[in-house]
PDB file of N, CA and C in Angstrom:
ATOM      1  N   MET A   1      70.520  73.315  85.267  1.00  0.00           N
ATOM      2  CA  MET A   1      70.017  73.492  83.913  1.00  0.00           C
ATOM      3  C   MET A   1      68.966  72.419  83.642  1.00  0.00           C
ATOM      4  N   SER A   2      67.831  72.850  83.100  1.00  0.00           N
ATOM      5  CA  SER A   2      66.770  71.879  82.839  1.00  0.00           C
ATOM      6  C   SER A   2      67.066  71.092  81.571  1.00  0.00           C
ATOM      7  N   ARG A   3      66.611  69.882  81.593  1.00  0.00           N
ATOM      8  CA  ARG A   3      66.839  68.980  80.471  1.00  0.00           C
ATOM      9  C   ARG A   3      65.633  69.029  79.540  1.00  0.00           C
ATOM     10  N   THR A   4      65.859  69.212  78.257  1.00  0.00           N
ATOM     11  CA  THR A   4      64.764  69.246  77.289  1.00  0.00           C
ATOM     12  C   THR A   4      64.832  68.014  76.406  1.00  0.00           C
ATOM     13  N   SER A   5      63.671  67.587  75.971  1.00  0.00           N
ATOM     14  CA  SER A   5      63.587  66.394  75.131  1.00  0.00           C
ATOM     15  C   SER A   5      63.336  66.802  73.689  1.00  0.00           C
ATOM     16  N   THR A   6      63.875  66.040  72.762  1.00  0.00           N
ATOM     17  CA  THR A   6      63.609  66.297  71.348  1.00  0.00           C
ATOM     18  C   THR A   6      62.292  65.672  70.925  1.00  0.00           C
ATOM     19  N   ASN A   7      61.738  64.799  71.779  1.00  0.00           N
ATOM     20  CA  ASN A   7      60.460  64.158  71.468  1.00  0.00           C
ATOM     21  C   ASN A   7      59.305  65.007  71.981  1.00  0.00           C
ATOM     22  N   PRO A   8      58.245  65.134  71.181  1.00  0.00           N
ATOM     23  CA  PRO A   8      57.073  65.853  71.690  1.00  0.00           C
ATOM     24  C   PRO A   8      56.446  65.051  72.833  1.00  0.00           C
ATOM     25  N   LYS A   9      55.667  65.737  73.630  1.00  0.00           N
ATOM     26  CA  LYS A   9      54.998  65.040  74.728  1.00  0.00           C
ATOM     27  C   LYS A   9      54.136  63.920  74.171  1.00  0.00           C
ATOM     28  N   ARG A  10      54.079  62.832  74.882  1.00  0.00           N
ATOM     29  CA  ARG A  10      53.326  61.651  74.465  1.00  0.00           C
ATOM     30  C   ARG A  10      52.226  61.379  75.468  1.00  0.00           C
ATOM     31  N   GLU A  11      51.168  60.778  74.999  1.00  0.00           N
ATOM     32  CA  GLU A  11      50.070  60.337  75.845  1.00  0.00           C
ATOM     33  C   GLU A  11      50.188  58.834  76.027  1.00  0.00           C
ATOM     34  N   THR A  12      49.613  58.333  77.098  1.00  0.00           N
ATOM     35  CA  THR A  12      49.597  56.901  77.358  1.00  0.00           C
ATOM     36  C   THR A  12      48.189  56.385  77.120  1.00  0.00           C
ATOM     37  N   LEU A  13      48.098  55.227  76.511  1.00  0.00           N
ATOM     38  CA  LEU A  13      46.818  54.586  76.236  1.00  0.00           C
ATOM     39  C   LEU A  13      46.819  53.223  76.911  1.00  0.00           C
ATOM     40  N   ASN A  14      45.918  53.031  77.841  1.00  0.00           N
ATOM     41  CA  ASN A  14      45.795  51.742  78.521  1.00  0.00           C
ATOM     42  C   ASN A  14      44.565  51.030  77.985  1.00  0.00           C
ATOM     43  N   LEU A  15      44.692  49.752  77.682  1.00  0.00           N
ATOM     44  CA  LEU A  15      43.549  48.994  77.204  1.00  0.00           C
ATOM     45  C   LEU A  15      43.650  47.545  77.654  1.00  0.00           C
ATOM     46  N   ARG A  16      42.520  46.918  77.703  1.00  0.00           N
ATOM     47  CA  ARG A  16      42.460  45.503  78.079  1.00  0.00           C
ATOM     48  C   ARG A  16      42.255  44.670  76.822  1.00  0.00           C
ATOM     49  N   VAL A  17      43.041  43.617  76.708  1.00  0.00           N
ATOM     50  CA  VAL A  17      42.916  42.712  75.570  1.00  0.00           C
ATOM     51  C   VAL A  17      42.981  41.273  76.068  1.00  0.00           C
ATOM     52  N   ASP A  18      42.461  40.409  75.257  1.00  0.00           N
ATOM     53  CA  ASP A  18      42.528  38.982  75.549  1.00  0.00           C
ATOM     54  C   ASP A  18      43.999  38.563  75.604  1.00  0.00           C
ATOM     55  N   PRO A  19      44.392  37.772  76.583  1.00  0.00           N
ATOM     56  CA  PRO A  19      45.801  37.365  76.700  1.00  0.00           C
ATOM     57  C   PRO A  19      46.339  36.673  75.444  1.00  0.00           C
ATOM     58  N   ALA A  20      45.524  35.870  74.795  1.00  0.00           N
ATOM     59  CA  ALA A  20      45.992  35.181  73.582  1.00  0.00           C
ATOM     60  C   ALA A  20      46.221  36.186  72.452  1.00  0.00           C
ATOM     61  N   LEU A  21      45.339  37.166  72.341  1.00  0.00           N
ATOM     62  CA  LEU A  21      45.500  38.196  71.322  1.00  0.00           C
ATOM     63  C   LEU A  21      46.786  38.990  71.581  1.00  0.00           C
ATOM     64  N   LYS A  22      47.008  39.328  72.842  1.00  0.00           N
ATOM     65  CA  LYS A  22      48.216  40.066  73.203  1.00  0.00           C
ATOM     66  C   LYS A  22      49.475  39.255  72.862  1.00  0.00           C
ATOM     67  N   ALA A  23      49.476  37.988  73.214  1.00  0.00           N
ATOM     68  CA  ALA A  23      50.636  37.140  72.944  1.00  0.00           C
ATOM     69  C   ALA A  23      50.898  37.035  71.446  1.00  0.00           C
ATOM     70  N   ASP A  24      49.864  36.822  70.668  1.00  0.00           N
ATOM     71  CA  ASP A  24      50.018  36.732  69.209  1.00  0.00           C
ATOM     72  C   ASP A  24      50.513  38.051  68.624  1.00  0.00           C
ATOM     73  N   PHE A  25      49.973  39.154  69.131  1.00  0.00           N
ATOM     74  CA  PHE A  25      50.369  40.474  68.656  1.00  0.00           C
ATOM     75  C   PHE A  25      51.837  40.752  68.980  1.00  0.00           C
ATOM     76  N   MET A  26      52.230  40.444  70.214  1.00  0.00           N
ATOM     77  CA  MET A  26      53.617  40.648  70.635  1.00  0.00           C
ATOM     78  C   MET A  26      54.561  39.799  69.783  1.00  0.00           C
ATOM     79  N   ALA A  27      54.169  38.549  69.523  1.00  0.00           N
ATOM     80  CA  ALA A  27      55.003  37.656  68.713  1.00  0.00           C
ATOM     81  C   ALA A  27      55.131  38.178  67.287  1.00  0.00           C
ATOM     82  N   ALA A  28      54.027  38.651  66.724  1.00  0.00           N
ATOM     83  CA  ALA A  28      54.057  39.159  65.355  1.00  0.00           C
ATOM     84  C   ALA A  28      54.931  40.404  65.249  1.00  0.00           C
ATOM     85  N   SER A  29      54.817  41.303  66.212  1.00  0.00           N
ATOM     86  CA  SER A  29      55.646  42.511  66.155  1.00  0.00           C
ATOM     87  C   SER A  29      57.127  42.163  66.373  1.00  0.00           C
ATOM     88  N   GLU A  30      57.367  41.183  67.215  1.00  0.00           N
ATOM     89  CA  GLU A  30      58.745  40.747  67.453  1.00  0.00           C
ATOM     90  C   GLU A  30      59.340  40.123  66.189  1.00  0.00           C
ATOM     91  N   GLU A  31      58.540  39.326  65.490  1.00  0.00           N
ATOM     92  CA  GLU A  31      59.007  38.707  64.229  1.00  0.00           C
ATOM     93  C   GLU A  31      59.418  39.764  63.220  1.00  0.00           C
ATOM     94  N   GLU A  32      58.679  40.856  63.190  1.00  0.00           N
ATOM     95  CA  GLU A  32      58.988  41.941  62.247  1.00  0.00           C
ATOM     96  C   GLU A  32      60.032  42.904  62.798  1.00  0.00           C
ATOM     97  N   LYS A  33      60.494  42.628  64.016  1.00  0.00           N
ATOM     98  CA  LYS A  33      61.486  43.471  64.672  1.00  0.00           C
ATOM     99  C   LYS A  33      61.012  44.922  64.767  1.00  0.00           C
ATOM    100  N   LYS A  34      59.733  45.063  65.128  1.00  0.00           N
ATOM    101  CA  LYS A  34      59.149  46.392  65.305  1.00  0.00           C
ATOM    102  C   LYS A  34      58.663  46.523  66.738  1.00  0.00           C
ATOM    103  N   PRO A  35      58.889  47.661  67.345  1.00  0.00           N
ATOM    104  CA  PRO A  35      58.351  47.863  68.689  1.00  0.00           C
ATOM    105  C   PRO A  35      56.817  47.830  68.656  1.00  0.00           C
ATOM    106  N   VAL A  36      56.251  47.233  69.679  1.00  0.00           N
ATOM    107  CA  VAL A  36      54.793  47.120  69.769  1.00  0.00           C
ATOM    108  C   VAL A  36      54.140  48.489  69.659  1.00  0.00           C
ATOM    109  N   ALA A  37      54.712  49.486  70.331  1.00  0.00           N
ATOM    110  CA  ALA A  37      54.128  50.830  70.298  1.00  0.00           C
ATOM    111  C   ALA A  37      54.084  51.385  68.879  1.00  0.00           C
ATOM    112  N   GLU A  38      55.125  51.143  68.096  1.00  0.00           N
ATOM    113  CA  GLU A  38      55.141  51.638  66.722  1.00  0.00           C
ATOM    114  C   GLU A  38      54.081  50.936  65.878  1.00  0.00           C
ATOM    115  N   VAL A  39      53.928  49.639  66.064  1.00  0.00           N
ATOM    116  CA  VAL A  39      52.900  48.892  65.324  1.00  0.00           C
ATOM    117  C   VAL A  39      51.513  49.445  65.678  1.00  0.00           C
ATOM    118  N   LEU A  40      51.289  49.707  66.960  1.00  0.00           N
ATOM    119  CA  LEU A  40      50.001  50.261  67.379  1.00  0.00           C
ATOM    120  C   LEU A  40      49.771  51.646  66.774  1.00  0.00           C
ATOM    121  N   ARG A  41      50.810  52.480  66.746  1.00  0.00           N
ATOM    122  CA  ARG A  41      50.662  53.803  66.123  1.00  0.00           C
ATOM    123  C   ARG A  41      50.324  53.667  64.641  1.00  0.00           C
ATOM    124  N   GLU A  42      50.983  52.714  63.946  1.00  0.00           N
ATOM    125  CA  GLU A  42      50.678  52.479  62.527  1.00  0.00           C
ATOM    126  C   GLU A  42      49.228  52.045  62.357  1.00  0.00           C
ATOM    127  N   LEU A  43      48.772  51.143  63.213  1.00  0.00           N
ATOM    128  CA  LEU A  43      47.381  50.691  63.150  1.00  0.00           C
ATOM    129  C   LEU A  43      46.407  51.841  63.389  1.00  0.00           C
ATOM    130  N   MET A  44      46.732  52.688  64.361  1.00  0.00           N
ATOM    131  CA  MET A  44      45.872  53.829  64.658  1.00  0.00           C
ATOM    132  C   MET A  44      45.826  54.802  63.486  1.00  0.00           C
ATOM    133  N   ARG A  45      46.982  55.078  62.896  1.00  0.00           N
ATOM    134  CA  ARG A  45      47.014  55.986  61.738  1.00  0.00           C
ATOM    135  C   ARG A  45      46.198  55.410  60.573  1.00  0.00           C
ATOM    136  N   GLY A  46      46.331  54.114  60.338  1.00  0.00           N
ATOM    137  CA  GLY A  46      45.557  53.469  59.278  1.00  0.00           C
ATOM    138  C   GLY A  46      44.069  53.539  59.544  1.00  0.00           C
ATOM    139  N   TYR A  47      43.676  53.329  60.790  1.00  0.00           N
ATOM    140  CA  TYR A  47      42.256  53.394  61.159  1.00  0.00           C
ATOM    141  C   TYR A  47      41.719  54.805  60.934  1.00  0.00           C
ATOM    142  N   ILE A  48      42.486  55.812  61.332  1.00  0.00           N
ATOM    143  CA  ILE A  48      42.058  57.201  61.143  1.00  0.00           C
ATOM    144  C   ILE A  48      41.916  57.515  59.657  1.00  0.00           C
ATOM    145  N   THR A  49      42.872  57.073  58.854  1.00  0.00           N
ATOM    146  CA  THR A  49      42.807  57.300  57.405  1.00  0.00           C
ATOM    147  C   THR A  49      41.561  56.657  56.809  1.00  0.00           C
ATOM    148  N   ARG A  50      41.284  55.406  57.200  1.00  0.00           N
ATOM    149  CA  ARG A  50      40.093  54.718  56.679  1.00  0.00           C
ATOM    150  C   ARG A  50      38.811  55.392  57.151  1.00  0.00           C
ATOM    151  N   ALA A  51      38.787  55.878  58.382  1.00  0.00           N
ATOM    152  CA  ALA A  51      37.601  56.577  58.895  1.00  0.00           C
ATOM    153  C   ALA A  51      37.348  57.858  58.101  1.00  0.00           C
ATOM    154  N   LYS A  52      38.413  58.599  57.797  1.00  0.00           N
ATOM    155  CA  LYS A  52      38.269  59.815  56.988  1.00  0.00           C
ATOM    156  C   LYS A  52      37.776  59.478  55.586  1.00  0.00           C
ATOM    157  N   GLN A  53      38.287  58.374  55.020  1.00  0.00           N
ATOM    158  CA  GLN A  53      37.848  57.969  53.687  1.00  0.00           C
ATOM    159  C   GLN A  53      36.365  57.589  53.695  1.00  0.00           C
ATOM    160  N   ARG A  54      35.941  56.856  54.740  1.00  0.00           N
ATOM    161  CA  ARG A  54      34.520  56.486  54.841  1.00  0.00           C
ATOM    162  C   ARG A  54      33.640  57.725  54.945  1.00  0.00           C
ATOM    163  N   LYS A  55      34.082  58.700  55.719  1.00  0.00           N
ATOM    164  CA  LYS A  55      33.327  59.942  55.875  1.00  0.00           C
ATOM    165  C   LYS A  55      33.249  60.687  54.543  1.00  0.00           C
ATOM    166  N   PHE A  56      34.375  60.741  53.825  1.00  0.00           N
ATOM    167  CA  PHE A  56      34.408  61.408  52.521  1.00  0.00           C
ATOM    168  C   PHE A  56      33.470  60.730  51.531  1.00  0.00           C
ATOM    169  N   VAL A  57      33.532  59.404  51.478  1.00  0.00           N
ATOM    170  CA  VAL A  57      32.672  58.645  50.554  1.00  0.00           C
ATOM    171  C   VAL A  57      31.200  58.846  50.894  1.00  0.00           C
ATOM    172  N   ALA A  58      30.869  58.837  52.179  1.00  0.00           N
ATOM    173  CA  ALA A  58      29.478  59.041  52.587  1.00  0.00           C
ATOM    174  C   ALA A  58      28.992  60.418  52.166  1.00  0.00           C
ATOM    175  N   GLU A  59      29.824  61.421  52.332  1.00  0.00           N
ATOM    176  CA  GLU A  59      29.437  62.779  51.924  1.00  0.00           C
ATOM    177  C   GLU A  59      29.312  62.880  50.410  1.00  0.00           C
ATOM    178  N   ALA A  60      30.211  62.246  49.672  1.00  0.00           N
ATOM    179  CA  ALA A  60      30.127  62.255  48.206  1.00  0.00           C
ATOM    180  C   ALA A  60      28.841  61.580  47.738  1.00  0.00           C
ATOM    181  N   ARG A  61      28.474  60.473  48.381  1.00  0.00           N
ATOM    182  CA  ARG A  61      27.216  59.800  48.029  1.00  0.00           C
ATOM    183  C   ARG A  61      26.021  60.683  48.329  1.00  0.00           C
ATOM    184  N   ARG A  62      26.057  61.342  49.502  1.00  0.00           N
ATOM    185  CA  ARG A  62      24.954  62.225  49.870  1.00  0.00           C
ATOM    186  C   ARG A  62      24.780  63.323  48.826  1.00  0.00           C
ATOM    187  N   GLN A  63      25.883  63.934  48.424  1.00  0.00           N
ATOM    188  CA  GLN A  63      25.820  64.999  47.433  1.00  0.00           C
ATOM    189  C   GLN A  63      25.377  64.468  46.067  1.00  0.00           C
ATOM    190  N   SER A  64      25.838  63.291  45.707  1.00  0.00           N
ATOM    191  CA  SER A  64      25.436  62.697  44.420  1.00  0.00           C
ATOM    192  C   SER A  64      23.941  62.435  44.379  1.00  0.00           C
ATOM    193  N   ARG A  65      23.394  61.952  45.501  1.00  0.00           N
ATOM    194  CA  ARG A  65      21.946  61.702  45.561  1.00  0.00           C
ATOM    195  C   ARG A  65      21.156  62.996  45.411  1.00  0.00           C
ATOM    196  N   ILE A  66      21.634  64.058  46.050  1.00  0.00           N
ATOM    197  CA  ILE A  66      20.953  65.347  45.935  1.00  0.00           C
ATOM    198  C   ILE A  66      20.970  65.817  44.495  1.00  0.00           C
ATOM    199  N   ILE A  67      22.121  65.720  43.858  1.00  0.00           N
ATOM    200  CA  ILE A  67      22.241  66.159  42.466  1.00  0.00           C
ATOM    201  C   ILE A  67      21.387  65.294  41.549  1.00  0.00           C
ATOM    202  N   ALA A  68      21.393  63.984  41.774  1.00  0.00           N
ATOM    203  CA  ALA A  68      20.604  63.077  40.933  1.00  0.00           C
ATOM    204  C   ALA A  68      19.109  63.351  41.076  1.00  0.00           C
ATOM    205  N   ALA A  69      18.682  63.784  42.256  1.00  0.00           N
ATOM    206  CA  ALA A  69      17.259  64.041  42.487  1.00  0.00           C
ATOM    207  C   ALA A  69      16.835  65.438  42.040  1.00  0.00           C
ATOM    208  N   SER A  70      17.780  66.255  41.614  1.00  0.00           N
ATOM    209  CA  SER A  70      17.463  67.620  41.202  1.00  0.00           C
ATOM    210  C   SER A  70      16.676  67.636  39.907  1.00  0.00           C
ATOM    211  N   LYS A  71      15.838  68.654  39.782  1.00  0.00           N
ATOM    212  CA  LYS A  71      14.988  68.775  38.588  1.00  0.00           C
ATOM    213  C   LYS A  71      15.773  69.175  37.345  1.00  0.00           C
ATOM    214  N   ASP A  72      16.729  70.086  37.528  1.00  0.00           N
ATOM    215  CA  ASP A  72      17.496  70.577  36.379  1.00  0.00           C
ATOM    216  C   ASP A  72      18.810  71.181  36.857  1.00  0.00           C
ATOM    217  N   ASP A  73      19.591  71.664  35.906  1.00  0.00           N
ATOM    218  CA  ASP A  73      20.897  72.232  36.233  1.00  0.00           C
ATOM    219  C   ASP A  73      20.780  73.451  37.141  1.00  0.00           C
ATOM    220  N   ALA A  74      19.759  74.244  36.934  1.00  0.00           N
ATOM    221  CA  ALA A  74      19.573  75.444  37.760  1.00  0.00           C
ATOM    222  C   ALA A  74      19.351  75.042  39.221  1.00  0.00           C
ATOM    223  N   ASP A  75      18.604  73.969  39.428  1.00  0.00           N
ATOM    224  CA  ASP A  75      18.367  73.465  40.780  1.00  0.00           C
ATOM    225  C   ASP A  75      19.684  73.040  41.426  1.00  0.00           C
ATOM    226  N   VAL A  76      20.527  72.374  40.656  1.00  0.00           N
ATOM    227  CA  VAL A  76      21.836  71.941  41.146  1.00  0.00           C
ATOM    228  C   VAL A  76      22.691  73.163  41.494  1.00  0.00           C
ATOM    229  N   LEU A  77      22.706  74.157  40.617  1.00  0.00           N
ATOM    230  CA  LEU A  77      23.499  75.358  40.869  1.00  0.00           C
ATOM    231  C   LEU A  77      23.014  76.105  42.112  1.00  0.00           C
ATOM    232  N   ARG A  78      21.690  76.142  42.336  1.00  0.00           N
ATOM    233  CA  ARG A  78      21.157  76.771  43.552  1.00  0.00           C
ATOM    234  C   ARG A  78      21.614  75.997  44.786  1.00  0.00           C
ATOM    235  N   TRP A  79      21.589  74.678  44.703  1.00  0.00           N
ATOM    236  CA  TRP A  79      22.033  73.851  45.832  1.00  0.00           C
ATOM    237  C   TRP A  79      23.513  74.108  46.137  1.00  0.00           C
ATOM    238  N   ILE A  80      24.327  74.162  45.085  1.00  0.00           N
ATOM    239  CA  ILE A  80      25.755  74.424  45.270  1.00  0.00           C
ATOM    240  C   ILE A  80      25.948  75.790  45.917  1.00  0.00           C
ATOM    241  N   GLU A  81      25.209  76.765  45.459  1.00  0.00           N
ATOM    242  CA  GLU A  81      25.306  78.116  46.023  1.00  0.00           C
ATOM    243  C   GLU A  81      24.944  78.109  47.510  1.00  0.00           C
ATOM    244  N   ARG A  82      23.879  77.412  47.868  1.00  0.00           N
ATOM    245  CA  ARG A  82      23.479  77.324  49.281  1.00  0.00           C
ATOM    246  C   ARG A  82      24.555  76.621  50.105  1.00  0.00           C
ATOM    247  N   GLU A  83      25.087  75.528  49.583  1.00  0.00           N
ATOM    248  CA  GLU A  83      26.114  74.779  50.313  1.00  0.00           C
ATOM    249  C   GLU A  83      27.372  75.606  50.531  1.00  0.00           C
ATOM    250  N   THR A  84      27.811  76.303  49.521  1.00  0.00           N
ATOM    251  CA  THR A  84      29.042  77.092  49.657  1.00  0.00           C
ATOM    252  C   THR A  84      28.829  78.306  50.537  1.00  0.00           C
ATOM    253  N   ASP A  85      27.620  78.862  50.557  1.00  0.00           N
ATOM    254  CA  ASP A  85      27.335  79.998  51.451  1.00  0.00           C
ATOM    255  C   ASP A  85      27.388  79.562  52.902  1.00  0.00           C
ATOM    256  N   THR A  86      26.798  78.392  53.233  1.00  0.00           N
ATOM    257  CA  THR A  86      26.737  77.945  54.623  1.00  0.00           C
ATOM    258  C   THR A  86      28.077  77.404  55.093  1.00  0.00           C
ATOM    259  N   GLU A  87      28.917  76.953  54.193  1.00  0.00           N
ATOM    260  CA  GLU A  87      30.214  76.392  54.569  1.00  0.00           C
ATOM    261  C   GLU A  87      31.272  77.491  54.715  1.00  0.00           C
ATOM    262  N   GLY A  88      30.925  78.712  54.359  1.00  0.00           N
ATOM    263  CA  GLY A  88      31.890  79.787  54.460  1.00  0.00           C
ATOM    264  C   GLY A  88      32.970  79.719  53.403  1.00  0.00           C
ATOM    265  N   TRP A  89      32.642  79.234  52.230  1.00  0.00           N
ATOM    266  CA  TRP A  89      33.622  79.055  51.160  1.00  0.00           C
ATOM    267  C   TRP A  89      33.893  80.345  50.402  1.00  0.00           C
ATOM    268  N   LYS A  90      33.040  81.314  50.565  1.00  0.00           N
ATOM    269  CA  LYS A  90      33.210  82.553  49.784  1.00  0.00           C
ATOM    270  C   LYS A  90      34.096  83.519  50.488  1.00  0.00           C
TER     271      LYS A  90
END
């Protein structure tokens, strides 16, 4: 009978770090009684969240500049119509 795992498949990430950085990181995770892998996953999730936020803010700024540079409300409405048509929102 084959053995199945309740954990989803995992990937391995190998990286090189400065020995002092590694030692400090290991000590800090040990102080918090957290496995190093879990701390790294938390850091990765936080980085992804911040990257998505930066992308969202950049897009909001881009759209705000377009709207601010528009001649009138009709121009803004035409721009919105073009954007929603190309994005497949309809």
